[in-house]
C-alpha cells in the first residue's frame, strides 16, 4: 500500500529521505570481571567511544543501540571507530557490531539515499 505523506510528516516519522541510521552492539564480558571493572569500562566507553564521536548509546551493559547524538545518521566511519575501540578492550571476550540499520524501524531496509 503506497503512502503519500507530506515532507513535514516524513521528517517527524524519520522515514524516506529522513531515515536515521544506527547500529546494535552485543558484548560479552570476561566472567571474572567485577561490577567495579564493568562500571569503569562503561564510563570509558561512554566518554571515549560515544561522546568523542558525537554518538549516544541506549541499552544495557551488554546489548544496545548506538545512534547519533544529534538528529541524523551514524556514518560507517563512526561505526568502524567504535568497533575498533571495543575490540581493543581487555574486558570483553566477544564483540558483535551490526551493520548500519534504521534506528527507528530496524525491520525496514536502508534507503539508498540515506
PDB file of N, CA and C in Angstrom:
ATOM      1  N   UNK A   1       0.836  -1.180   0.000  1.00  0.00           N
ATOM      2  CA  UNK A   1       0.000   0.000   0.000  1.00  0.00           C
ATOM      3  C   UNK A   1       0.879   1.241   0.000  1.00  0.00           C
ATOM      4  N   UNK A   2       0.728   2.071  -0.996  1.00  0.00           N
ATOM      5  CA  UNK A   2       1.506   3.294  -1.113  1.00  0.00           C
ATOM      6  C   UNK A   2       1.022   4.323  -0.091  1.00  0.00           C
ATOM      7  N   UNK A   3       1.978   5.030   0.501  1.00  0.00           N
ATOM      8  CA  UNK A   3       1.647   6.056   1.472  1.00  0.00           C
ATOM      9  C   UNK A   3       2.102   7.394   0.936  1.00  0.00           C
ATOM     10  N   UNK A   4       1.190   8.343   0.898  1.00  0.00           N
ATOM     11  CA  UNK A   4       1.519   9.677   0.426  1.00  0.00           C
ATOM     12  C   UNK A   4       1.555  10.601   1.640  1.00  0.00           C
ATOM     13  N   UNK A   5       2.759  10.849   2.160  1.00  0.00           N
ATOM     14  CA  UNK A   5       2.927  11.677   3.344  1.00  0.00           C
ATOM     15  C   UNK A   5       3.599  12.994   2.967  1.00  0.00           C
ATOM     16  N   UNK A   6       3.250  14.034   3.701  1.00  0.00           N
ATOM     17  CA  UNK A   6       3.889  15.330   3.475  1.00  0.00           C
ATOM     18  C   UNK A   6       5.343  15.263   3.954  1.00  0.00           C
ATOM     19  N   UNK A   7       6.143  16.181   3.466  1.00  0.00           N
ATOM     20  CA  UNK A   7       7.552  16.268   3.862  1.00  0.00           C
ATOM     21  C   UNK A   7       7.656  16.429   5.382  1.00  0.00           C
ATOM     22  N   UNK A   8       6.820  17.258   5.959  1.00  0.00           N
ATOM     23  CA  UNK A   8       6.828  17.509   7.398  1.00  0.00           C
ATOM     24  C   UNK A   8       6.571  16.217   8.178  1.00  0.00           C
ATOM     25  N   UNK A   9       5.605  15.446   7.738  1.00  0.00           N
ATOM     26  CA  UNK A   9       5.278  14.195   8.418  1.00  0.00           C
ATOM     27  C   UNK A   9       6.395  13.164   8.241  1.00  0.00           C
ATOM     28  N   UNK A  10       6.981  13.100   7.036  1.00  0.00           N
ATOM     29  CA  UNK A  10       8.107  12.173   6.817  1.00  0.00           C
ATOM     30  C   UNK A  10       9.269  12.507   7.748  1.00  0.00           C
ATOM     31  N   UNK A  11       9.503  13.805   7.962  1.00  0.00           N
ATOM     32  CA  UNK A  11      10.586  14.227   8.857  1.00  0.00           C
ATOM     33  C   UNK A  11      10.271  13.827  10.296  1.00  0.00           C
ATOM     34  N   UNK A  12       9.047  14.047  10.732  1.00  0.00           N
ATOM     35  CA  UNK A  12       8.652  13.679  12.100  1.00  0.00           C
ATOM     36  C   UNK A  12       8.749  12.181  12.338  1.00  0.00           C
ATOM     37  N   UNK A  13       8.413  11.403  11.323  1.00  0.00           N
ATOM     38  CA  UNK A  13       8.439   9.939  11.438  1.00  0.00           C
ATOM     39  C   UNK A  13       9.814   9.334  11.163  1.00  0.00           C
ATOM     40  N   UNK A  14      10.765  10.169  10.703  1.00  0.00           N
ATOM     41  CA  UNK A  14      12.118   9.702  10.361  1.00  0.00           C
ATOM     42  C   UNK A  14      12.069   8.610   9.299  1.00  0.00           C
ATOM     43  N   UNK A  15      11.314   8.855   8.239  1.00  0.00           N
ATOM     44  CA  UNK A  15      11.203   7.889   7.149  1.00  0.00           C
ATOM     45  C   UNK A  15      11.658   8.526   5.838  1.00  0.00           C
ATOM     46  N   UNK A  16      11.781   7.677   4.830  1.00  0.00           N
ATOM     47  CA  UNK A  16      12.188   8.075   3.485  1.00  0.00           C
ATOM     48  C   UNK A  16      13.499   8.865   3.536  1.00  0.00           C
ATOM     49  N   UNK A  17      13.536  10.084   3.027  1.00  0.00           N
ATOM     50  CA  UNK A  17      14.788  10.842   2.987  1.00  0.00           C
ATOM     51  C   UNK A  17      15.267  11.267   4.372  1.00  0.00           C
ATOM     52  N   UNK A  18      14.451  11.097   5.410  1.00  0.00           N
ATOM     53  CA  UNK A  18      14.812  11.466   6.779  1.00  0.00           C
ATOM     54  C   UNK A  18      15.157  10.251   7.647  1.00  0.00           C
ATOM     55  N   UNK A  19      15.354   9.116   7.008  1.00  0.00           N
ATOM     56  CA  UNK A  19      15.724   7.892   7.726  1.00  0.00           C
ATOM     57  C   UNK A  19      17.029   8.131   8.485  1.00  0.00           C
ATOM     58  N   UNK A  20      17.079   7.661   9.737  1.00  0.00           N
ATOM     59  CA  UNK A  20      18.269   7.800  10.568  1.00  0.00           C
ATOM     60  C   UNK A  20      18.859   6.426  10.845  1.00  0.00           C
ATOM     61  N   UNK A  21      20.170   6.309  10.638  1.00  0.00           N
ATOM     62  CA  UNK A  21      20.850   5.031  10.792  1.00  0.00           C
ATOM     63  C   UNK A  21      21.605   4.945  12.101  1.00  0.00           C
ATOM     64  N   UNK A  22      21.697   3.738  12.624  1.00  0.00           N
ATOM     65  CA  UNK A  22      22.464   3.434  13.818  1.00  0.00           C
ATOM     66  C   UNK A  22      22.960   2.009  13.704  1.00  0.00           C
ATOM     67  N   UNK A  23      23.459   1.459  14.811  1.00  0.00           N
ATOM     68  CA  UNK A  23      23.879   0.060  14.799  1.00  0.00           C
ATOM     69  C   UNK A  23      23.744  -0.522  16.194  1.00  0.00           C
ATOM     70  N   UNK A  24      23.630  -1.841  16.248  1.00  0.00           N
ATOM     71  CA  UNK A  24      23.471  -2.546  17.512  1.00  0.00           C
ATOM     72  C   UNK A  24      24.808  -3.109  17.976  1.00  0.00           C
ATOM     73  N   UNK A  25      24.955  -3.186  19.289  1.00  0.00           N
ATOM     74  CA  UNK A  25      26.122  -3.805  19.909  1.00  0.00           C
ATOM     75  C   UNK A  25      25.675  -4.988  20.748  1.00  0.00           C
ATOM     76  N   UNK A  26      26.485  -6.021  20.744  1.00  0.00           N
ATOM     77  CA  UNK A  26      26.264  -7.179  21.598  1.00  0.00           C
ATOM     78  C   UNK A  26      27.622  -7.538  22.187  1.00  0.00           C
ATOM     79  N   UNK A  27      27.761  -7.417  23.509  1.00  0.00           N
ATOM     80  CA  UNK A  27      29.052  -7.583  24.164  1.00  0.00           C
ATOM     81  C   UNK A  27      29.003  -8.704  25.199  1.00  0.00           C
ATOM     82  N   UNK A  28      30.109  -9.418  25.343  1.00  0.00           N
ATOM     83  CA  UNK A  28      30.269 -10.397  26.416  1.00  0.00           C
ATOM     84  C   UNK A  28      31.499 -10.003  27.223  1.00  0.00           C
ATOM     85  N   UNK A  29      31.302  -9.870  28.543  1.00  0.00           N
ATOM     86  CA  UNK A  29      32.396  -9.527  29.445  1.00  0.00           C
ATOM     87  C   UNK A  29      33.074 -10.796  29.948  1.00  0.00           C
ATOM     88  N   UNK A  30      34.345 -10.662  30.361  1.00  0.00           N
ATOM     89  CA  UNK A  30      35.043 -11.779  30.991  1.00  0.00           C
ATOM     90  C   UNK A  30      34.275 -12.171  32.237  1.00  0.00           C
ATOM     91  N   UNK A  31      34.219 -13.464  32.518  1.00  0.00           N
ATOM     92  CA  UNK A  31      33.431 -13.972  33.642  1.00  0.00           C
ATOM     93  C   UNK A  31      33.954 -13.500  34.996  1.00  0.00           C
ATOM     94  N   UNK A  32      35.254 -13.322  35.130  1.00  0.00           N
ATOM     95  CA  UNK A  32      35.825 -12.934  36.429  1.00  0.00           C
ATOM     96  C   UNK A  32      35.841 -11.417  36.645  1.00  0.00           C
ATOM     97  N   UNK A  33      35.208 -10.675  35.752  1.00  0.00           N
ATOM     98  CA  UNK A  33      35.189  -9.218  35.849  1.00  0.00           C
ATOM     99  C   UNK A  33      34.170  -8.778  36.898  1.00  0.00           C
ATOM    100  N   UNK A  34      34.593  -7.930  37.826  1.00  0.00           N
ATOM    101  CA  UNK A  34      33.717  -7.459  38.885  1.00  0.00           C
ATOM    102  C   UNK A  34      32.862  -6.283  38.434  1.00  0.00           C
ATOM    103  N   UNK A  35      31.901  -5.925  39.265  1.00  0.00           N
ATOM    104  CA  UNK A  35      30.993  -4.814  38.957  1.00  0.00           C
ATOM    105  C   UNK A  35      31.733  -3.487  38.801  1.00  0.00           C
ATOM    106  N   UNK A  36      32.742  -3.250  39.620  1.00  0.00           N
ATOM    107  CA  UNK A  36      33.509  -2.006  39.530  1.00  0.00           C
ATOM    108  C   UNK A  36      34.243  -1.910  38.201  1.00  0.00           C
ATOM    109  N   UNK A  37      34.790  -3.007  37.744  1.00  0.00           N
ATOM    110  CA  UNK A  37      35.507  -3.028  36.467  1.00  0.00           C
ATOM    111  C   UNK A  37      34.542  -2.794  35.304  1.00  0.00           C
ATOM    112  N   UNK A  38      33.346  -3.370  35.391  1.00  0.00           N
ATOM    113  CA  UNK A  38      32.342  -3.160  34.341  1.00  0.00           C
ATOM    114  C   UNK A  38      31.888  -1.706  34.332  1.00  0.00           C
ATOM    115  N   UNK A  39      31.686  -1.123  35.510  1.00  0.00           N
ATOM    116  CA  UNK A  39      31.310   0.288  35.595  1.00  0.00           C
ATOM    117  C   UNK A  39      32.398   1.189  35.017  1.00  0.00           C
ATOM    118  N   UNK A  40      33.657   0.879  35.309  1.00  0.00           N
ATOM    119  CA  UNK A  40      34.777   1.657  34.767  1.00  0.00           C
ATOM    120  C   UNK A  40      34.819   1.542  33.242  1.00  0.00           C
ATOM    121  N   UNK A  41      34.588   0.322  32.743  1.00  0.00           N
ATOM    122  CA  UNK A  41      34.550   0.115  31.298  1.00  0.00           C
ATOM    123  C   UNK A  41      33.437   0.955  30.664  1.00  0.00           C
ATOM    124  N   UNK A  42      32.243   0.902  31.258  1.00  0.00           N
ATOM    125  CA  UNK A  42      31.107   1.646  30.702  1.00  0.00           C
ATOM    126  C   UNK A  42      31.352   3.151  30.732  1.00  0.00           C
ATOM    127  N   UNK A  43      31.980   3.661  31.795  1.00  0.00           N
ATOM    128  CA  UNK A  43      32.326   5.087  31.854  1.00  0.00           C
ATOM    129  C   UNK A  43      33.282   5.456  30.724  1.00  0.00           C
ATOM    130  N   UNK A  44      34.303   4.628  30.534  1.00  0.00           N
ATOM    131  CA  UNK A  44      35.268   4.875  29.455  1.00  0.00           C
ATOM    132  C   UNK A  44      34.591   4.769  28.090  1.00  0.00           C
ATOM    133  N   UNK A  45      33.725   3.780  27.928  1.00  0.00           N
ATOM    134  CA  UNK A  45      33.002   3.593  26.663  1.00  0.00           C
ATOM    135  C   UNK A  45      32.168   4.825  26.325  1.00  0.00           C
ATOM    136  N   UNK A  46      31.422   5.313  27.298  1.00  0.00           N
ATOM    137  CA  UNK A  46      30.562   6.474  27.045  1.00  0.00           C
ATOM    138  C   UNK A  46      31.374   7.735  26.755  1.00  0.00           C
ATOM    139  N   UNK A  47      32.494   7.895  27.418  1.00  0.00           N
ATOM    140  CA  UNK A  47      33.315   9.088  27.219  1.00  0.00           C
ATOM    141  C   UNK A  47      34.165   9.001  25.949  1.00  0.00           C
ATOM    142  N   UNK A  48      34.911   7.902  25.814  1.00  0.00           N
ATOM    143  CA  UNK A  48      35.895   7.780  24.740  1.00  0.00           C
ATOM    144  C   UNK A  48      35.309   7.342  23.405  1.00  0.00           C
ATOM    145  N   UNK A  49      34.335   6.455  23.422  1.00  0.00           N
ATOM    146  CA  UNK A  49      33.783   5.933  22.167  1.00  0.00           C
ATOM    147  C   UNK A  49      32.519   6.675  21.736  1.00  0.00           C
ATOM    148  N   UNK A  50      31.661   7.014  22.685  1.00  0.00           N
ATOM    149  CA  UNK A  50      30.389   7.659  22.332  1.00  0.00           C
ATOM    150  C   UNK A  50      30.526   9.180  22.237  1.00  0.00           C
ATOM    151  N   UNK A  51      30.798   9.846  23.349  1.00  0.00           N
ATOM    152  CA  UNK A  51      30.865  11.311  23.369  1.00  0.00           C
ATOM    153  C   UNK A  51      31.904  11.857  22.397  1.00  0.00           C
ATOM    154  N   UNK A  52      33.063  11.218  22.341  1.00  0.00           N
ATOM    155  CA  UNK A  52      34.152  11.681  21.479  1.00  0.00           C
ATOM    156  C   UNK A  52      33.795  11.609  19.994  1.00  0.00           C
ATOM    157  N   UNK A  53      32.807  10.779  19.638  1.00  0.00           N
ATOM    158  CA  UNK A  53      32.421  10.609  18.233  1.00  0.00           C
ATOM    159  C   UNK A  53      31.031  11.157  17.926  1.00  0.00           C
ATOM    160  N   UNK A  54      30.454  11.908  18.865  1.00  0.00           N
ATOM    161  CA  UNK A  54      29.132  12.501  18.636  1.00  0.00           C
ATOM    162  C   UNK A  54      28.018  11.475  18.596  1.00  0.00           C
ATOM    163  N   UNK A  55      28.147  10.417  19.418  1.00  0.00           N
ATOM    164  CA  UNK A  55      27.176   9.333  19.412  1.00  0.00           C
ATOM    165  C   UNK A  55      26.498   9.191  20.772  1.00  0.00           C
ATOM    166  N   UNK A  56      25.363   8.511  20.781  1.00  0.00           N
ATOM    167  CA  UNK A  56      24.646   8.159  22.004  1.00  0.00           C
ATOM    168  C   UNK A  56      24.430   6.659  22.036  1.00  0.00           C
ATOM    169  N   UNK A  57      24.329   6.122  23.248  1.00  0.00           N
ATOM    170  CA  UNK A  57      24.118   4.687  23.447  1.00  0.00           C
ATOM    171  C   UNK A  57      22.862   4.491  24.269  1.00  0.00           C
ATOM    172  N   UNK A  58      22.001   3.606  23.799  1.00  0.00           N
ATOM    173  CA  UNK A  58      20.777   3.262  24.512  1.00  0.00           C
ATOM    174  C   UNK A  58      20.797   1.755  24.713  1.00  0.00           C
ATOM    175  N   UNK A  59      20.714   1.325  25.961  1.00  0.00           N
ATOM    176  CA  UNK A  59      20.706  -0.109  26.210  1.00  0.00           C
ATOM    177  C   UNK A  59      21.283  -0.442  27.560  1.00  0.00           C
ATOM    178  N   UNK A  60      21.707  -1.684  27.717  1.00  0.00           N
ATOM    179  CA  UNK A  60      22.250  -2.163  28.973  1.00  0.00           C
ATOM    180  C   UNK A  60      23.739  -2.365  28.884  1.00  0.00           C
ATOM    181  N   UNK A  61      24.268  -3.117  29.853  1.00  0.00           N
ATOM    182  CA  UNK A  61      25.709  -3.374  29.890  1.00  0.00           C
ATOM    183  C   UNK A  61      26.195  -4.114  28.658  1.00  0.00           C
ATOM    184  N   UNK A  62      25.390  -5.065  28.198  1.00  0.00           N
ATOM    185  CA  UNK A  62      25.885  -5.988  27.173  1.00  0.00           C
ATOM    186  C   UNK A  62      25.158  -5.928  25.839  1.00  0.00           C
ATOM    187  N   UNK A  63      24.115  -5.136  25.726  1.00  0.00           N
ATOM    188  CA  UNK A  63      23.394  -5.035  24.461  1.00  0.00           C
ATOM    189  C   UNK A  63      22.762  -3.659  24.349  1.00  0.00           C
ATOM    190  N   UNK A  64      22.838  -3.061  23.159  1.00  0.00           N
ATOM    191  CA  UNK A  64      22.212  -1.764  22.983  1.00  0.00           C
ATOM    192  C   UNK A  64      22.309  -1.255  21.560  1.00  0.00           C
ATOM    193  N   UNK A  65      21.820  -0.044  21.386  1.00  0.00           N
ATOM    194  CA  UNK A  65      21.786   0.617  20.082  1.00  0.00           C
ATOM    195  C   UNK A  65      22.610   1.884  20.151  1.00  0.00           C
ATOM    196  N   UNK A  66      23.425   2.104  19.139  1.00  0.00           N
ATOM    197  CA  UNK A  66      24.211   3.325  19.020  1.00  0.00           C
ATOM    198  C   UNK A  66      23.589   4.173  17.925  1.00  0.00           C
ATOM    199  N   UNK A  67      23.328   5.442  18.252  1.00  0.00           N
ATOM    200  CA  UNK A  67      22.765   6.363  17.275  1.00  0.00           C
ATOM    201  C   UNK A  67      23.474   7.704  17.396  1.00  0.00           C
ATOM    202  N   UNK A  68      23.179   8.595  16.491  1.00  0.00           N
ATOM    203  CA  UNK A  68      23.797   9.912  16.507  1.00  0.00           C
ATOM    204  C   UNK A  68      23.250  10.728  17.671  1.00  0.00           C
ATOM    205  N   UNK A  69      24.120  11.527  18.295  1.00  0.00           N
ATOM    206  CA  UNK A  69      23.692  12.374  19.415  1.00  0.00           C
ATOM    207  C   UNK A  69      22.806  13.511  18.930  1.00  0.00           C
ATOM    208  N   UNK A  70      22.963  13.886  17.681  1.00  0.00           N
ATOM    209  CA  UNK A  70      22.116  14.920  17.075  1.00  0.00           C
ATOM    210  C   UNK A  70      21.227  14.247  16.041  1.00  0.00           C
ATOM    211  N   UNK A  71      20.284  14.970  15.548  1.00  0.00           N
ATOM    212  CA  UNK A  71      19.423  14.417  14.502  1.00  0.00           C
ATOM    213  C   UNK A  71      20.281  14.038  13.301  1.00  0.00           C
ATOM    214  N   UNK A  72      20.083  12.848  12.790  1.00  0.00           N
ATOM    215  CA  UNK A  72      20.861  12.387  11.652  1.00  0.00           C
ATOM    216  C   UNK A  72      21.324  10.953  11.855  1.00  0.00           C
ATOM    217  N   UNK A  73      22.212  10.532  10.997  1.00  0.00           N
ATOM    218  CA  UNK A  73      22.645   9.138  10.966  1.00  0.00           C
ATOM    219  C   UNK A  73      24.080   8.964  11.430  1.00  0.00           C
ATOM    220  N   UNK A  74      24.360   7.770  11.895  1.00  0.00           N
ATOM    221  CA  UNK A  74      25.720   7.343  12.185  1.00  0.00           C
ATOM    222  C   UNK A  74      26.372   7.010  10.844  1.00  0.00           C
ATOM    223  N   UNK A  75      27.633   7.353  10.693  1.00  0.00           N
ATOM    224  CA  UNK A  75      28.348   7.026   9.462  1.00  0.00           C
ATOM    225  C   UNK A  75      29.056   5.678   9.621  1.00  0.00           C
ATOM    226  N   UNK A  76      29.431   5.114   8.506  1.00  0.00           N
ATOM    227  CA  UNK A  76      30.191   3.860   8.523  1.00  0.00           C
ATOM    228  C   UNK A  76      31.529   4.070   9.226  1.00  0.00           C
ATOM    229  N   UNK A  77      32.115   5.245   9.063  1.00  0.00           N
ATOM    230  CA  UNK A  77      33.391   5.560   9.724  1.00  0.00           C
ATOM    231  C   UNK A  77      33.220   5.565  11.249  1.00  0.00           C
ATOM    232  N   UNK A  78      32.146   6.165  11.750  1.00  0.00           N
ATOM    233  CA  UNK A  78      31.890   6.168  13.192  1.00  0.00           C
ATOM    234  C   UNK A  78      31.684   4.744  13.707  1.00  0.00           C
ATOM    235  N   UNK A  79      30.959   3.943  12.937  1.00  0.00           N
ATOM    236  CA  UNK A  79      30.726   2.552  13.330  1.00  0.00           C
ATOM    237  C   UNK A  79      32.053   1.802  13.431  1.00  0.00           C
ATOM    238  N   UNK A  80      32.933   2.008  12.476  1.00  0.00           N
ATOM    239  CA  UNK A  80      34.242   1.337  12.463  1.00  0.00           C
ATOM    240  C   UNK A  80      35.116   1.777  13.637  1.00  0.00           C
ATOM    241  N   UNK A  81      35.062   3.068  13.985  1.00  0.00           N
ATOM    242  CA  UNK A  81      35.850   3.589  15.106  1.00  0.00           C
ATOM    243  C   UNK A  81      35.388   2.948  16.415  1.00  0.00           C
ATOM    244  N   UNK A  82      34.074   2.855  16.616  1.00  0.00           N
ATOM    245  CA  UNK A  82      33.537   2.236  17.831  1.00  0.00           C
ATOM    246  C   UNK A  82      33.899   0.754  17.875  1.00  0.00           C
ATOM    247  N   UNK A  83      33.778   0.077  16.754  1.00  0.00           N
ATOM    248  CA  UNK A  83      34.124  -1.343  16.706  1.00  0.00           C
ATOM    249  C   UNK A  83      35.600  -1.557  17.058  1.00  0.00           C
ATOM    250  N   UNK A  84      36.480  -0.735  16.503  1.00  0.00           N
ATOM    251  CA  UNK A  84      37.918  -0.860  16.796  1.00  0.00           C
ATOM    252  C   UNK A  84      38.190  -0.576  18.275  1.00  0.00           C
ATOM    253  N   UNK A  85      37.508   0.422  18.842  1.00  0.00           N
ATOM    254  CA  UNK A  85      37.692   0.746  20.256  1.00  0.00           C
ATOM    255  C   UNK A  85      37.281  -0.448  21.125  1.00  0.00           C
ATOM    256  N   UNK A  86      36.147  -1.024  20.824  1.00  0.00           N
ATOM    257  CA  UNK A  86      35.652  -2.166  21.602  1.00  0.00           C
ATOM    258  C   UNK A  86      36.573  -3.376  21.479  1.00  0.00           C
ATOM    259  N   UNK A  87      37.055  -3.652  20.276  1.00  0.00           N
ATOM    260  CA  UNK A  87      37.911  -4.821  20.055  1.00  0.00           C
ATOM    261  C   UNK A  87      39.280  -4.655  20.702  1.00  0.00           C
ATOM    262  N   UNK A  88      39.636  -3.421  21.044  1.00  0.00           N
ATOM    263  CA  UNK A  88      40.905  -3.164  21.719  1.00  0.00           C
ATOM    264  C   UNK A  88      40.819  -3.255  23.233  1.00  0.00           C
ATOM    265  N   UNK A  89      39.664  -3.583  23.757  1.00  0.00           N
ATOM    266  CA  UNK A  89      39.463  -3.646  25.214  1.00  0.00           C
ATOM    267  C   UNK A  89      39.666  -5.057  25.750  1.00  0.00           C
ATOM    268  N   UNK A  90      40.368  -5.152  26.884  1.00  0.00           N
ATOM    269  CA  UNK A  90      40.643  -6.455  27.506  1.00  0.00           C
ATOM    270  C   UNK A  90      39.462  -7.004  28.288  1.00  0.00           C
ATOM    271  N   UNK A  91      38.497  -6.143  28.651  1.00  0.00           N
ATOM    272  CA  UNK A  91      37.377  -6.585  29.483  1.00  0.00           C
ATOM    273  C   UNK A  91      36.386  -7.483  28.736  1.00  0.00           C
ATOM    274  N   UNK A  92      36.453  -7.476  27.409  1.00  0.00           N
ATOM    275  CA  UNK A  92      35.461  -8.177  26.593  1.00  0.00           C
ATOM    276  C   UNK A  92      36.014  -9.470  26.005  1.00  0.00           C
ATOM    277  N   UNK A  93      35.153 -10.491  25.956  1.00  0.00           N
ATOM    278  CA  UNK A  93      35.533 -11.737  25.295  1.00  0.00           C
ATOM    279  C   UNK A  93      34.922 -11.829  23.901  1.00  0.00           C
ATOM    280  N   UNK A  94      33.817 -11.090  23.686  1.00  0.00           N
ATOM    281  CA  UNK A  94      33.154 -11.123  22.369  1.00  0.00           C
ATOM    282  C   UNK A  94      32.534  -9.755  22.098  1.00  0.00           C
ATOM    283  N   UNK A  95      32.711  -9.287  20.863  1.00  0.00           N
ATOM    284  CA  UNK A  95      32.135  -8.020  20.415  1.00  0.00           C
ATOM    285  C   UNK A  95      31.420  -8.268  19.101  1.00  0.00           C
ATOM    286  N   UNK A  96      30.123  -7.982  19.063  1.00  0.00           N
ATOM    287  CA  UNK A  96      29.359  -8.042  17.815  1.00  0.00           C
ATOM    288  C   UNK A  96      28.826  -6.649  17.520  1.00  0.00           C
ATOM    289  N   UNK A  97      29.162  -6.140  16.344  1.00  0.00           N
ATOM    290  CA  UNK A  97      28.690  -4.834  15.906  1.00  0.00           C
ATOM    291  C   UNK A  97      27.901  -5.070  14.625  1.00  0.00           C
ATOM    292  N   UNK A  98      26.622  -4.713  14.649  1.00  0.00           N
ATOM    293  CA  UNK A  98      25.772  -4.962  13.480  1.00  0.00           C
ATOM    294  C   UNK A  98      26.131  -3.989  12.354  1.00  0.00           C
ATOM    295  N   UNK A  99      25.735  -4.317  11.139  1.00  0.00           N
ATOM    296  CA  UNK A  99      25.831  -3.327  10.068  1.00  0.00           C
ATOM    297  C   UNK A  99      24.884  -2.167  10.394  1.00  0.00           C
ATOM    298  N   UNK A 100      25.042  -1.057   9.685  1.00  0.00           N
ATOM    299  CA  UNK A 100      24.124   0.063   9.884  1.00  0.00           C
ATOM    300  C   UNK A 100      22.702  -0.384   9.588  1.00  0.00           C
ATOM    301  N   UNK A 101      21.762   0.111  10.414  1.00  0.00           N
ATOM    302  CA  UNK A 101      20.357  -0.220  10.232  1.00  0.00           C
ATOM    303  C   UNK A 101      19.507   0.989  10.590  1.00  0.00           C
ATOM    304  N   UNK A 102      18.241   0.944  10.205  1.00  0.00           N
ATOM    305  CA  UNK A 102      17.314   2.028  10.511  1.00  0.00           C
ATOM    306  C   UNK A 102      17.133   2.077  12.026  1.00  0.00           C
ATOM    307  N   UNK A 103      17.499   3.208  12.644  1.00  0.00           N
ATOM    308  CA  UNK A 103      17.460   3.322  14.101  1.00  0.00           C
ATOM    309  C   UNK A 103      16.038   3.369  14.647  1.00  0.00           C
ATOM    310  N   UNK A 104      15.081   3.825  13.858  1.00  0.00           N
ATOM    311  CA  UNK A 104      13.694   3.936  14.312  1.00  0.00           C
ATOM    312  C   UNK A 104      12.863   2.712  13.963  1.00  0.00           C
ATOM    313  N   UNK A 105      13.139   2.138  12.813  1.00  0.00           N
ATOM    314  CA  UNK A 105      12.370   0.991  12.315  1.00  0.00           C
ATOM    315  C   UNK A 105      13.359  -0.071  11.837  1.00  0.00           C
ATOM    316  N   UNK A 106      13.988  -0.821  12.765  1.00  0.00           N
ATOM    317  CA  UNK A 106      15.072  -1.750  12.390  1.00  0.00           C
ATOM    318  C   UNK A 106      14.685  -2.806  11.351  1.00  0.00           C
ATOM    319  N   UNK A 107      13.407  -3.124  11.256  1.00  0.00           N
ATOM    320  CA  UNK A 107      12.993  -4.144  10.298  1.00  0.00           C
ATOM    321  C   UNK A 107      12.928  -3.615   8.870  1.00  0.00           C
ATOM    322  N   UNK A 108      12.963  -2.296   8.693  1.00  0.00           N
ATOM    323  CA  UNK A 108      12.893  -1.710   7.339  1.00  0.00           C
ATOM    324  C   UNK A 108      14.283  -1.645   6.723  1.00  0.00           C
ATOM    325  N   UNK A 109      14.371  -1.841   5.413  1.00  0.00           N
ATOM    326  CA  UNK A 109      15.681  -1.754   4.747  1.00  0.00           C
ATOM    327  C   UNK A 109      16.185  -0.308   4.707  1.00  0.00           C
ATOM    328  N   UNK A 110      17.472  -0.178   4.522  1.00  0.00           N
ATOM    329  CA  UNK A 110      18.096   1.155   4.437  1.00  0.00           C
ATOM    330  C   UNK A 110      17.806   1.747   3.064  1.00  0.00           C
ATOM    331  N   UNK A 111      17.409   3.011   3.056  1.00  0.00           N
ATOM    332  CA  UNK A 111      17.183   3.720   1.797  1.00  0.00           C
ATOM    333  C   UNK A 111      18.523   3.951   1.116  1.00  0.00           C
ATOM    334  N   UNK A 112      18.600   3.831  -0.188  1.00  0.00           N
ATOM    335  CA  UNK A 112      19.875   4.083  -0.880  1.00  0.00           C
ATOM    336  C   UNK A 112      20.366   5.517  -0.668  1.00  0.00           C
ATOM    337  N   UNK A 113      19.476   6.476  -0.457  1.00  0.00           N
ATOM    338  CA  UNK A 113      19.866   7.862  -0.291  1.00  0.00           C
ATOM    339  C   UNK A 113      20.295   8.193   1.135  1.00  0.00           C
ATOM    340  N   UNK A 114      20.074   7.260   2.077  1.00  0.00           N
ATOM    341  CA  UNK A 114      20.352   7.564   3.496  1.00  0.00           C
ATOM    342  C   UNK A 114      21.796   7.657   3.807  1.00  0.00           C
TER     343      UNK A 114
END
